[in-house]
């Protein structure tokens, strides 16, 4: 059945990787071009930037979890490499 040998385990996928693939498939160049980025501003310790997403894109993203860098990059959001989110512990 299904091309698997007896005793062979099914491939496992994490929930977050499935979410990322699903979101990446939904993101298109029109939505990505409509993402708005604020000017950078800073305090003594950090540099900040706000990102404003189109409603259609925002509806596809989780609301109660902090997304990993891989997830938000897959959604088409671009920030400087090595940036640290304010509520992420380093």
C-alpha atoms as a PDB file:
ATOM      1  CA  UNK A   1       0.000   0.000   0.000  1.00  0.00           C
ATOM      2  CA  UNK A   2       1.202   3.476  -0.814  1.00  0.00           C
ATOM      3  CA  UNK A   3       4.598   2.248  -2.082  1.00  0.00           C
ATOM      4  CA  UNK A   4       6.070   1.630   1.383  1.00  0.00           C
ATOM      5  CA  UNK A   5       7.752  -1.553   2.523  1.00  0.00           C
ATOM      6  CA  UNK A   6       6.534  -3.285   5.642  1.00  0.00           C
ATOM      7  CA  UNK A   7       8.038  -1.713   8.715  1.00  0.00           C
ATOM      8  CA  UNK A   8       9.054   1.452   6.900  1.00  0.00           C
ATOM      9  CA  UNK A   9       7.987   4.546   8.769  1.00  0.00           C
ATOM     10  CA  UNK A  10       6.041   7.376   7.213  1.00  0.00           C
ATOM     11  CA  UNK A  11       8.020  10.538   6.664  1.00  0.00           C
ATOM     12  CA  UNK A  12       7.391  13.035   9.407  1.00  0.00           C
ATOM     13  CA  UNK A  13       6.956  16.742   8.882  1.00  0.00           C
ATOM     14  CA  UNK A  14       6.833  19.364  11.562  1.00  0.00           C
ATOM     15  CA  UNK A  15       3.756  21.489  11.872  1.00  0.00           C
ATOM     16  CA  UNK A  16       5.785  24.674  11.354  1.00  0.00           C
ATOM     17  CA  UNK A  17       7.364  23.427   8.108  1.00  0.00           C
ATOM     18  CA  UNK A  18       3.912  22.556   6.729  1.00  0.00           C
ATOM     19  CA  UNK A  19       2.664  26.004   7.752  1.00  0.00           C
ATOM     20  CA  UNK A  20       5.657  27.635   6.081  1.00  0.00           C
ATOM     21  CA  UNK A  21       5.130  25.744   2.825  1.00  0.00           C
ATOM     22  CA  UNK A  22       1.415  26.546   2.827  1.00  0.00           C
ATOM     23  CA  UNK A  23       2.060  30.244   3.462  1.00  0.00           C
ATOM     24  CA  UNK A  24       4.842  30.398   0.892  1.00  0.00           C
ATOM     25  CA  UNK A  25       2.512  28.943  -1.724  1.00  0.00           C
ATOM     26  CA  UNK A  26      -0.068  31.624  -0.917  1.00  0.00           C
ATOM     27  CA  UNK A  27       2.342  34.537  -1.143  1.00  0.00           C
ATOM     28  CA  UNK A  28       2.611  36.104  -4.565  1.00  0.00           C
ATOM     29  CA  UNK A  29       4.623  38.961  -5.956  1.00  0.00           C
ATOM     30  CA  UNK A  30       1.652  41.365  -5.816  1.00  0.00           C
ATOM     31  CA  UNK A  31       1.279  40.872  -2.048  1.00  0.00           C
ATOM     32  CA  UNK A  32       5.021  41.086  -1.493  1.00  0.00           C
ATOM     33  CA  UNK A  33       5.244  44.358  -3.420  1.00  0.00           C
ATOM     34  CA  UNK A  34       2.525  45.819  -1.161  1.00  0.00           C
ATOM     35  CA  UNK A  35       4.452  45.188   2.087  1.00  0.00           C
ATOM     36  CA  UNK A  36       5.430  48.534   3.606  1.00  0.00           C
ATOM     37  CA  UNK A  37       8.501  49.120   5.769  1.00  0.00           C
ATOM     38  CA  UNK A  38       8.976  52.065   8.126  1.00  0.00           C
ATOM     39  CA  UNK A  39      12.185  54.038   8.279  1.00  0.00           C
ATOM     40  CA  UNK A  40      14.687  52.592  10.730  1.00  0.00           C
ATOM     41  CA  UNK A  41      14.843  54.204  14.147  1.00  0.00           C
ATOM     42  CA  UNK A  42      16.895  53.329  17.197  1.00  0.00           C
ATOM     43  CA  UNK A  43      17.532  53.760  20.876  1.00  0.00           C
ATOM     44  CA  UNK A  44      20.792  53.236  22.784  1.00  0.00           C
ATOM     45  CA  UNK A  45      20.634  49.470  22.265  1.00  0.00           C
ATOM     46  CA  UNK A  46      18.600  48.484  19.215  1.00  0.00           C
ATOM     47  CA  UNK A  47      17.552  49.500  15.747  1.00  0.00           C
ATOM     48  CA  UNK A  48      13.848  49.097  14.898  1.00  0.00           C
ATOM     49  CA  UNK A  49      11.588  48.995  11.851  1.00  0.00           C
ATOM     50  CA  UNK A  50       7.846  48.422  11.591  1.00  0.00           C
ATOM     51  CA  UNK A  51       6.397  46.238   8.857  1.00  0.00           C
ATOM     52  CA  UNK A  52       2.861  46.810   7.576  1.00  0.00           C
ATOM     53  CA  UNK A  53       1.374  43.841   5.743  1.00  0.00           C
ATOM     54  CA  UNK A  54      -1.514  43.762   3.268  1.00  0.00           C
ATOM     55  CA  UNK A  55      -4.644  42.356   4.949  1.00  0.00           C
ATOM     56  CA  UNK A  56      -4.722  39.360   2.616  1.00  0.00           C
ATOM     57  CA  UNK A  57      -1.218  38.376   3.695  1.00  0.00           C
ATOM     58  CA  UNK A  58      -1.758  39.160   7.395  1.00  0.00           C
ATOM     59  CA  UNK A  59      -4.789  36.830   7.491  1.00  0.00           C
ATOM     60  CA  UNK A  60      -2.596  33.865   6.496  1.00  0.00           C
ATOM     61  CA  UNK A  61      -0.082  34.369   9.322  1.00  0.00           C
ATOM     62  CA  UNK A  62      -0.311  33.125  12.915  1.00  0.00           C
ATOM     63  CA  UNK A  63      -1.505  35.691  15.427  1.00  0.00           C
ATOM     64  CA  UNK A  64      -0.623  34.079  18.755  1.00  0.00           C
ATOM     65  CA  UNK A  65       2.911  32.841  18.065  1.00  0.00           C
ATOM     66  CA  UNK A  66       6.193  34.534  17.304  1.00  0.00           C
ATOM     67  CA  UNK A  67       7.190  33.434  13.810  1.00  0.00           C
ATOM     68  CA  UNK A  68      10.665  32.079  13.164  1.00  0.00           C
ATOM     69  CA  UNK A  69      12.917  33.927  10.733  1.00  0.00           C
ATOM     70  CA  UNK A  70      12.421  31.124   8.213  1.00  0.00           C
ATOM     71  CA  UNK A  71       8.629  31.521   8.441  1.00  0.00           C
ATOM     72  CA  UNK A  72       8.504  35.298   8.027  1.00  0.00           C
ATOM     73  CA  UNK A  73      11.045  35.214   5.212  1.00  0.00           C
ATOM     74  CA  UNK A  74       8.916  32.545   3.470  1.00  0.00           C
ATOM     75  CA  UNK A  75       5.971  34.955   3.789  1.00  0.00           C
ATOM     76  CA  UNK A  76       7.939  37.527   1.770  1.00  0.00           C
ATOM     77  CA  UNK A  77       8.976  39.806   4.639  1.00  0.00           C
ATOM     78  CA  UNK A  78      12.523  41.102   4.260  1.00  0.00           C
ATOM     79  CA  UNK A  79      14.659  42.566   7.007  1.00  0.00           C
ATOM     80  CA  UNK A  80      18.391  42.960   7.445  1.00  0.00           C
ATOM     81  CA  UNK A  81      20.285  39.716   7.927  1.00  0.00           C
ATOM     82  CA  UNK A  82      21.091  39.087  11.566  1.00  0.00           C
ATOM     83  CA  UNK A  83      18.291  41.251  12.899  1.00  0.00           C
ATOM     84  CA  UNK A  84      16.933  40.325  16.318  1.00  0.00           C
ATOM     85  CA  UNK A  85      13.289  40.780  17.179  1.00  0.00           C
ATOM     86  CA  UNK A  86      12.779  42.797  20.396  1.00  0.00           C
ATOM     87  CA  UNK A  87      11.004  40.013  22.284  1.00  0.00           C
ATOM     88  CA  UNK A  88      13.384  37.274  21.115  1.00  0.00           C
ATOM     89  CA  UNK A  89      16.030  36.219  23.608  1.00  0.00           C
ATOM     90  CA  UNK A  90      19.579  36.004  22.289  1.00  0.00           C
END
